[in-house]
């Protein structure tokens, strides 16, 4: 009537080894890139930032495309 005896220490250590292996795989993916891959990603991020900045619709105080009422134009004509 006795069941199988399970060594809990062995089970716990096996589970810890599996978790460490899984974390190591994640770290290899995250940090194991070549310098060329890192540079390519940096250039792509900078290009995207420039594209977004180029599409901004802000009008500053020295923007000449906005006409003001005191620009000398005759409003009656």
PDB file of N, CA and C in Angstrom:
ATOM      1  N   UNK A   1       0.801  -1.182   0.000  1.00  0.00           N
ATOM      2  CA  UNK A   1       0.000   0.000   0.000  1.00  0.00           C
ATOM      3  C   UNK A   1       0.859   1.268   0.000  1.00  0.00           C
ATOM      4  N   UNK A   2       2.151   1.105  -0.019  1.00  0.00           N
ATOM      5  CA  UNK A   2       3.029   2.277  -0.025  1.00  0.00           C
ATOM      6  C   UNK A   2       3.170   2.806  -1.445  1.00  0.00           C
ATOM      7  N   UNK A   3       3.098   4.140  -1.572  1.00  0.00           N
ATOM      8  CA  UNK A   3       3.236   4.759  -2.883  1.00  0.00           C
ATOM      9  C   UNK A   3       4.703   5.006  -3.198  1.00  0.00           C
ATOM     10  N   UNK A   4       4.952   5.637  -4.300  1.00  0.00           N
ATOM     11  CA  UNK A   4       6.324   5.956  -4.667  1.00  0.00           C
ATOM     12  C   UNK A   4       6.845   7.064  -3.755  1.00  0.00           C
ATOM     13  N   UNK A   5       8.057   6.908  -3.291  1.00  0.00           N
ATOM     14  CA  UNK A   5       8.681   7.901  -2.443  1.00  0.00           C
ATOM     15  C   UNK A   5       9.333   8.940  -3.346  1.00  0.00           C
ATOM     16  N   UNK A   6       9.062  10.232  -3.068  1.00  0.00           N
ATOM     17  CA  UNK A   6       9.597  11.311  -3.873  1.00  0.00           C
ATOM     18  C   UNK A   6      10.542  12.125  -3.011  1.00  0.00           C
ATOM     19  N   UNK A   7      11.748  12.317  -3.512  1.00  0.00           N
ATOM     20  CA  UNK A   7      12.724  13.134  -2.802  1.00  0.00           C
ATOM     21  C   UNK A   7      12.414  14.593  -3.136  1.00  0.00           C
ATOM     22  N   UNK A   8      11.905  15.326  -2.158  1.00  0.00           N
ATOM     23  CA  UNK A   8      11.478  16.705  -2.398  1.00  0.00           C
ATOM     24  C   UNK A   8      12.656  17.622  -2.693  1.00  0.00           C
ATOM     25  N   UNK A   9      13.807  17.365  -2.103  1.00  0.00           N
ATOM     26  CA  UNK A   9      14.991  18.188  -2.383  1.00  0.00           C
ATOM     27  C   UNK A   9      15.388  18.057  -3.843  1.00  0.00           C
ATOM     28  N   UNK A  10      15.364  16.852  -4.359  1.00  0.00           N
ATOM     29  CA  UNK A  10      15.714  16.635  -5.760  1.00  0.00           C
ATOM     30  C   UNK A  10      14.716  17.344  -6.673  1.00  0.00           C
ATOM     31  N   UNK A  11      13.435  17.251  -6.347  1.00  0.00           N
ATOM     32  CA  UNK A  11      12.394  17.916  -7.134  1.00  0.00           C
ATOM     33  C   UNK A  11      12.594  19.428  -7.117  1.00  0.00           C
ATOM     34  N   UNK A  12      12.854  20.007  -5.930  1.00  0.00           N
ATOM     35  CA  UNK A  12      13.043  21.448  -5.786  1.00  0.00           C
ATOM     36  C   UNK A  12      14.267  21.914  -6.569  1.00  0.00           C
ATOM     37  N   UNK A  13      15.361  21.193  -6.467  1.00  0.00           N
ATOM     38  CA  UNK A  13      16.586  21.575  -7.182  1.00  0.00           C
ATOM     39  C   UNK A  13      16.407  21.469  -8.692  1.00  0.00           C
ATOM     40  N   UNK A  14      15.684  20.454  -9.150  1.00  0.00           N
ATOM     41  CA  UNK A  14      15.426  20.308 -10.584  1.00  0.00           C
ATOM     42  C   UNK A  14      14.593  21.479 -11.090  1.00  0.00           C
ATOM     43  N   UNK A  15      13.596  21.888 -10.325  1.00  0.00           N
ATOM     44  CA  UNK A  15      12.742  23.007 -10.709  1.00  0.00           C
ATOM     45  C   UNK A  15      13.560  24.299 -10.765  1.00  0.00           C
ATOM     46  N   UNK A  16      14.455  24.520  -9.814  1.00  0.00           N
ATOM     47  CA  UNK A  16      15.307  25.711  -9.818  1.00  0.00           C
ATOM     48  C   UNK A  16      16.238  25.722 -11.022  1.00  0.00           C
ATOM     49  N   UNK A  17      16.805  24.574 -11.366  1.00  0.00           N
ATOM     50  CA  UNK A  17      17.688  24.497 -12.541  1.00  0.00           C
ATOM     51  C   UNK A  17      16.928  24.838 -13.813  1.00  0.00           C
ATOM     52  N   UNK A  18      15.698  24.363 -13.938  1.00  0.00           N
ATOM     53  CA  UNK A  18      14.890  24.652 -15.118  1.00  0.00           C
ATOM     54  C   UNK A  18      14.561  26.137 -15.208  1.00  0.00           C
ATOM     55  N   UNK A  19      14.241  26.765 -14.071  1.00  0.00           N
ATOM     56  CA  UNK A  19      13.948  28.189 -14.064  1.00  0.00           C
ATOM     57  C   UNK A  19      15.188  29.005 -14.428  1.00  0.00           C
ATOM     58  N   UNK A  20      16.357  28.614 -13.926  1.00  0.00           N
ATOM     59  CA  UNK A  20      17.595  29.321 -14.259  1.00  0.00           C
ATOM     60  C   UNK A  20      17.916  29.179 -15.737  1.00  0.00           C
ATOM     61  N   UNK A  21      17.682  28.008 -16.286  1.00  0.00           N
ATOM     62  CA  UNK A  21      17.934  27.796 -17.709  1.00  0.00           C
ATOM     63  C   UNK A  21      17.000  28.659 -18.558  1.00  0.00           C
ATOM     64  N   UNK A  22      15.758  28.767 -18.139  1.00  0.00           N
ATOM     65  CA  UNK A  22      14.787  29.590 -18.865  1.00  0.00           C
ATOM     66  C   UNK A  22      15.194  31.066 -18.805  1.00  0.00           C
ATOM     67  N   UNK A  23      15.617  31.545 -17.628  1.00  0.00           N
ATOM     68  CA  UNK A  23      16.049  32.929 -17.480  1.00  0.00           C
ATOM     69  C   UNK A  23      17.320  33.183 -18.287  1.00  0.00           C
ATOM     70  N   UNK A  24      18.226  32.221 -18.327  1.00  0.00           N
ATOM     71  CA  UNK A  24      19.456  32.363 -19.102  1.00  0.00           C
ATOM     72  C   UNK A  24      19.148  32.503 -20.588  1.00  0.00           C
ATOM     73  N   UNK A  25      18.171  31.759 -21.069  1.00  0.00           N
ATOM     74  CA  UNK A  25      17.779  31.860 -22.480  1.00  0.00           C
ATOM     75  C   UNK A  25      17.215  33.252 -22.779  1.00  0.00           C
ATOM     76  N   UNK A  26      16.405  33.769 -21.872  1.00  0.00           N
ATOM     77  CA  UNK A  26      15.848  35.118 -22.052  1.00  0.00           C
ATOM     78  C   UNK A  26      16.969  36.146 -22.071  1.00  0.00           C
ATOM     79  N   UNK A  27      17.931  36.012 -21.159  1.00  0.00           N
ATOM     80  CA  UNK A  27      19.055  36.955 -21.100  1.00  0.00           C
ATOM     81  C   UNK A  27      19.927  36.870 -22.353  1.00  0.00           C
ATOM     82  N   UNK A  28      20.121  35.671 -22.886  1.00  0.00           N
ATOM     83  CA  UNK A  28      20.920  35.535 -24.118  1.00  0.00           C
ATOM     84  C   UNK A  28      20.246  36.254 -25.269  1.00  0.00           C
ATOM     85  N   UNK A  29      18.939  36.148 -25.331  1.00  0.00           N
ATOM     86  CA  UNK A  29      18.209  36.827 -26.403  1.00  0.00           C
ATOM     87  C   UNK A  29      18.286  38.334 -26.213  1.00  0.00           C
ATOM     88  N   UNK A  30      18.113  38.784 -24.986  1.00  0.00           N
ATOM     89  CA  UNK A  30      18.053  40.213 -24.713  1.00  0.00           C
ATOM     90  C   UNK A  30      19.421  40.886 -24.829  1.00  0.00           C
ATOM     91  N   UNK A  31      20.455  40.266 -24.312  1.00  0.00           N
ATOM     92  CA  UNK A  31      21.755  40.918 -24.228  1.00  0.00           C
ATOM     93  C   UNK A  31      22.797  40.350 -25.184  1.00  0.00           C
ATOM     94  N   UNK A  32      22.488  39.315 -25.892  1.00  0.00           N
ATOM     95  CA  UNK A  32      23.478  38.659 -26.723  1.00  0.00           C
ATOM     96  C   UNK A  32      23.483  39.132 -28.161  1.00  0.00           C
ATOM     97  N   UNK A  33      23.264  40.419 -28.377  1.00  0.00           N
ATOM     98  CA  UNK A  33      23.239  40.933 -29.747  1.00  0.00           C
ATOM     99  C   UNK A  33      24.611  41.470 -30.126  1.00  0.00           C
ATOM    100  N   UNK A  34      24.902  41.458 -31.402  1.00  0.00           N
ATOM    101  CA  UNK A  34      26.170  41.992 -31.878  1.00  0.00           C
ATOM    102  C   UNK A  34      26.105  43.514 -31.908  1.00  0.00           C
ATOM    103  N   UNK A  35      27.256  44.143 -32.018  1.00  0.00           N
ATOM    104  CA  UNK A  35      27.312  45.604 -32.064  1.00  0.00           C
ATOM    105  C   UNK A  35      26.588  46.125 -33.304  1.00  0.00           C
ATOM    106  N   UNK A  36      26.684  45.414 -34.408  1.00  0.00           N
ATOM    107  CA  UNK A  36      26.004  45.837 -35.633  1.00  0.00           C
ATOM    108  C   UNK A  36      24.486  45.830 -35.434  1.00  0.00           C
ATOM    109  N   UNK A  37      23.957  44.809 -34.744  1.00  0.00           N
ATOM    110  CA  UNK A  37      22.528  44.765 -34.488  1.00  0.00           C
ATOM    111  C   UNK A  37      22.095  45.920 -33.589  1.00  0.00           C
ATOM    112  N   UNK A  38      22.904  46.226 -32.582  1.00  0.00           N
ATOM    113  CA  UNK A  38      22.596  47.335 -31.679  1.00  0.00           C
ATOM    114  C   UNK A  38      22.614  48.655 -32.438  1.00  0.00           C
ATOM    115  N   UNK A  39      23.628  48.851 -33.306  1.00  0.00           N
ATOM    116  CA  UNK A  39      23.726  50.084 -34.093  1.00  0.00           C
ATOM    117  C   UNK A  39      22.541  50.221 -35.046  1.00  0.00           C
ATOM    118  N   UNK A  40      22.152  49.120 -35.685  1.00  0.00           N
ATOM    119  CA  UNK A  40      21.030  49.142 -36.618  1.00  0.00           C
ATOM    120  C   UNK A  40      19.742  49.537 -35.888  1.00  0.00           C
ATOM    121  N   UNK A  41      19.533  48.994 -34.703  1.00  0.00           N
ATOM    122  CA  UNK A  41      18.338  49.337 -33.940  1.00  0.00           C
ATOM    123  C   UNK A  41      18.361  50.803 -33.507  1.00  0.00           C
ATOM    124  N   UNK A  42      19.526  51.308 -33.104  1.00  0.00           N
ATOM    125  CA  UNK A  42      19.655  52.707 -32.695  1.00  0.00           C
ATOM    126  C   UNK A  42      19.360  53.635 -33.863  1.00  0.00           C
ATOM    127  N   UNK A  43      19.892  53.323 -35.045  1.00  0.00           N
ATOM    128  CA  UNK A  43      19.655  54.141 -36.236  1.00  0.00           C
ATOM    129  C   UNK A  43      18.171  54.132 -36.591  1.00  0.00           C
ATOM    130  N   UNK A  44      17.533  52.989 -36.486  1.00  0.00           N
ATOM    131  CA  UNK A  44      16.109  52.892 -36.804  1.00  0.00           C
ATOM    132  C   UNK A  44      15.273  53.715 -35.826  1.00  0.00           C
ATOM    133  N   UNK A  45      15.623  53.687 -34.541  1.00  0.00           N
ATOM    134  CA  UNK A  45      14.898  54.504 -33.558  1.00  0.00           C
ATOM    135  C   UNK A  45      15.081  55.988 -33.843  1.00  0.00           C
ATOM    136  N   UNK A  46      16.304  56.408 -34.198  1.00  0.00           N
ATOM    137  CA  UNK A  46      16.555  57.816 -34.505  1.00  0.00           C
ATOM    138  C   UNK A  46      15.784  58.248 -35.754  1.00  0.00           C
ATOM    139  N   UNK A  47      15.738  57.388 -36.763  1.00  0.00           N
ATOM    140  CA  UNK A  47      15.007  57.697 -37.995  1.00  0.00           C
ATOM    141  C   UNK A  47      13.516  57.858 -37.708  1.00  0.00           C
ATOM    142  N   UNK A  48      12.978  56.985 -36.874  1.00  0.00           N
ATOM    143  CA  UNK A  48      11.561  57.088 -36.509  1.00  0.00           C
ATOM    144  C   UNK A  48      11.297  58.376 -35.737  1.00  0.00           C
ATOM    145  N   UNK A  49      12.206  58.753 -34.852  1.00  0.00           N
ATOM    146  CA  UNK A  49      12.028  59.989 -34.077  1.00  0.00           C
ATOM    147  C   UNK A  49      12.061  61.206 -34.998  1.00  0.00           C
ATOM    148  N   UNK A  50      12.968  61.208 -35.975  1.00  0.00           N
ATOM    149  CA  UNK A  50      13.024  62.326 -36.922  1.00  0.00           C
ATOM    150  C   UNK A  50      11.756  62.396 -37.759  1.00  0.00           C
ATOM    151  N   UNK A  51      11.223  61.248 -38.158  1.00  0.00           N
ATOM    152  CA  UNK A  51      10.003  61.228 -38.964  1.00  0.00           C
ATOM    153  C   UNK A  51       8.830  61.788 -38.166  1.00  0.00           C
ATOM    154  N   UNK A  52       8.765  61.452 -36.912  1.00  0.00           N
ATOM    155  CA  UNK A  52       7.676  61.973 -36.077  1.00  0.00           C
ATOM    156  C   UNK A  52       7.842  63.465 -35.870  1.00  0.00           C
ATOM    157  N   UNK A  53       9.065  63.923 -35.589  1.00  0.00           N
ATOM    158  CA  UNK A  53       9.306  65.352 -35.396  1.00  0.00           C
ATOM    159  C   UNK A  53       9.010  66.139 -36.665  1.00  0.00           C
ATOM    160  N   UNK A  54       9.256  65.563 -37.823  1.00  0.00           N
ATOM    161  CA  UNK A  54       9.001  66.245 -39.086  1.00  0.00           C
ATOM    162  C   UNK A  54       7.518  66.407 -39.393  1.00  0.00           C
ATOM    163  N   UNK A  55       6.693  65.626 -38.765  1.00  0.00           N
ATOM    164  CA  UNK A  55       5.256  65.683 -39.009  1.00  0.00           C
ATOM    165  C   UNK A  55       4.514  66.491 -37.947  1.00  0.00           C
ATOM    166  N   UNK A  56       5.230  67.127 -37.058  1.00  0.00           N
ATOM    167  CA  UNK A  56       4.624  67.921 -35.991  1.00  0.00           C
ATOM    168  C   UNK A  56       3.920  69.152 -36.556  1.00  0.00           C
ATOM    169  N   UNK A  57       2.803  69.523 -35.992  1.00  0.00           N
ATOM    170  CA  UNK A  57       2.009  70.647 -36.484  1.00  0.00           C
ATOM    171  C   UNK A  57       2.018  71.817 -35.502  1.00  0.00           C
ATOM    172  N   UNK A  58       3.109  72.081 -34.876  1.00  0.00           N
ATOM    173  CA  UNK A  58       3.191  73.185 -33.921  1.00  0.00           C
ATOM    174  C   UNK A  58       3.460  74.493 -34.649  1.00  0.00           C
ATOM    175  N   UNK A  59       2.839  75.553 -34.187  1.00  0.00           N
ATOM    176  CA  UNK A  59       3.059  76.879 -34.743  1.00  0.00           C
ATOM    177  C   UNK A  59       3.642  77.742 -33.648  1.00  0.00           C
ATOM    178  N   UNK A  60       4.867  78.152 -33.817  1.00  0.00           N
ATOM    179  CA  UNK A  60       5.533  78.994 -32.837  1.00  0.00           C
ATOM    180  C   UNK A  60       5.245  80.458 -33.079  1.00  0.00           C
ATOM    181  N   UNK A  61       5.738  81.356 -32.207  1.00  0.00           N
ATOM    182  CA  UNK A  61       5.487  82.785 -32.357  1.00  0.00           C
ATOM    183  C   UNK A  61       6.172  83.383 -33.586  1.00  0.00           C
ATOM    184  N   UNK A  62       7.242  82.780 -34.079  1.00  0.00           N
ATOM    185  CA  UNK A  62       7.929  83.323 -35.259  1.00  0.00           C
ATOM    186  C   UNK A  62       7.566  82.566 -36.537  1.00  0.00           C
ATOM    187  N   UNK A  63       6.473  81.831 -36.531  1.00  0.00           N
ATOM    188  CA  UNK A  63       6.017  81.120 -37.713  1.00  0.00           C
ATOM    189  C   UNK A  63       5.323  82.106 -38.640  1.00  0.00           C
ATOM    190  N   UNK A  64       5.798  82.250 -39.877  1.00  0.00           N
ATOM    191  CA  UNK A  64       5.285  83.246 -40.809  1.00  0.00           C
ATOM    192  C   UNK A  64       4.054  82.777 -41.573  1.00  0.00           C
ATOM    193  N   UNK A  65       3.705  81.495 -41.470  1.00  0.00           N
ATOM    194  CA  UNK A  65       2.560  81.001 -42.218  1.00  0.00           C
ATOM    195  C   UNK A  65       1.240  81.425 -41.585  1.00  0.00           C
ATOM    196  N   UNK A  66       1.260  81.855 -40.355  1.00  0.00           N
ATOM    197  CA  UNK A  66       0.042  82.318 -39.689  1.00  0.00           C
ATOM    198  C   UNK A  66      -0.008  83.837 -39.811  1.00  0.00           C
ATOM    199  N   UNK A  67      -1.074  84.356 -40.407  1.00  0.00           N
ATOM    200  CA  UNK A  67      -1.170  85.817 -40.585  1.00  0.00           C
ATOM    201  C   UNK A  67      -1.843  86.420 -39.369  1.00  0.00           C
ATOM    202  N   UNK A  68      -1.335  87.555 -38.965  1.00  0.00           N
ATOM    203  CA  UNK A  68      -1.929  88.247 -37.821  1.00  0.00           C
ATOM    204  C   UNK A  68      -2.694  89.454 -38.343  1.00  0.00           C
ATOM    205  N   UNK A  69      -3.643  89.977 -37.571  1.00  0.00           N
ATOM    206  CA  UNK A  69      -4.458  91.101 -38.044  1.00  0.00           C
ATOM    207  C   UNK A  69      -3.661  92.365 -38.253  1.00  0.00           C
ATOM    208  N   UNK A  70      -2.526  92.550 -37.631  1.00  0.00           N
ATOM    209  CA  UNK A  70      -1.755  93.794 -37.787  1.00  0.00           C
ATOM    210  C   UNK A  70      -0.576  93.601 -38.740  1.00  0.00           C
ATOM    211  N   UNK A  71      -0.747  92.801 -39.792  1.00  0.00           N
ATOM    212  CA  UNK A  71       0.331  92.594 -40.753  1.00  0.00           C
ATOM    213  C   UNK A  71       0.295  93.609 -41.888  1.00  0.00           C
ATOM    214  N   UNK A  72      -0.577  94.596 -41.801  1.00  0.00           N
ATOM    215  CA  UNK A  72      -0.603  95.656 -42.805  1.00  0.00           C
ATOM    216  C   UNK A  72      -1.575  95.414 -43.933  1.00  0.00           C
ATOM    217  N   UNK A  73      -2.257  94.294 -43.959  1.00  0.00           N
ATOM    218  CA  UNK A  73      -3.203  94.007 -45.030  1.00  0.00           C
ATOM    219  C   UNK A  73      -4.526  94.713 -44.761  1.00  0.00           C
ATOM    220  N   UNK A  74      -5.188  95.159 -45.823  1.00  0.00           N
ATOM    221  CA  UNK A  74      -6.460  95.849 -45.704  1.00  0.00           C
ATOM    222  C   UNK A  74      -7.577  94.812 -45.614  1.00  0.00           C
ATOM    223  N   UNK A  75      -8.292  94.708 -44.483  1.00  0.00           N
ATOM    224  CA  UNK A  75      -9.316  93.695 -44.325  1.00  0.00           C
ATOM    225  C   UNK A  75     -10.562  93.975 -45.156  1.00  0.00           C
ATOM    226  N   UNK A  76     -10.746  95.190 -45.712  1.00  0.00           N
ATOM    227  CA  UNK A  76     -11.939  95.503 -46.468  1.00  0.00           C
ATOM    228  C   UNK A  76     -11.881  95.037 -47.904  1.00  0.00           C
ATOM    229  N   UNK A  77     -10.701  94.703 -48.398  1.00  0.00           N
ATOM    230  CA  UNK A  77     -10.596  94.287 -49.794  1.00  0.00           C
ATOM    231  C   UNK A  77     -10.557  92.815 -49.962  1.00  0.00           C
TER     232      UNK A  77
END
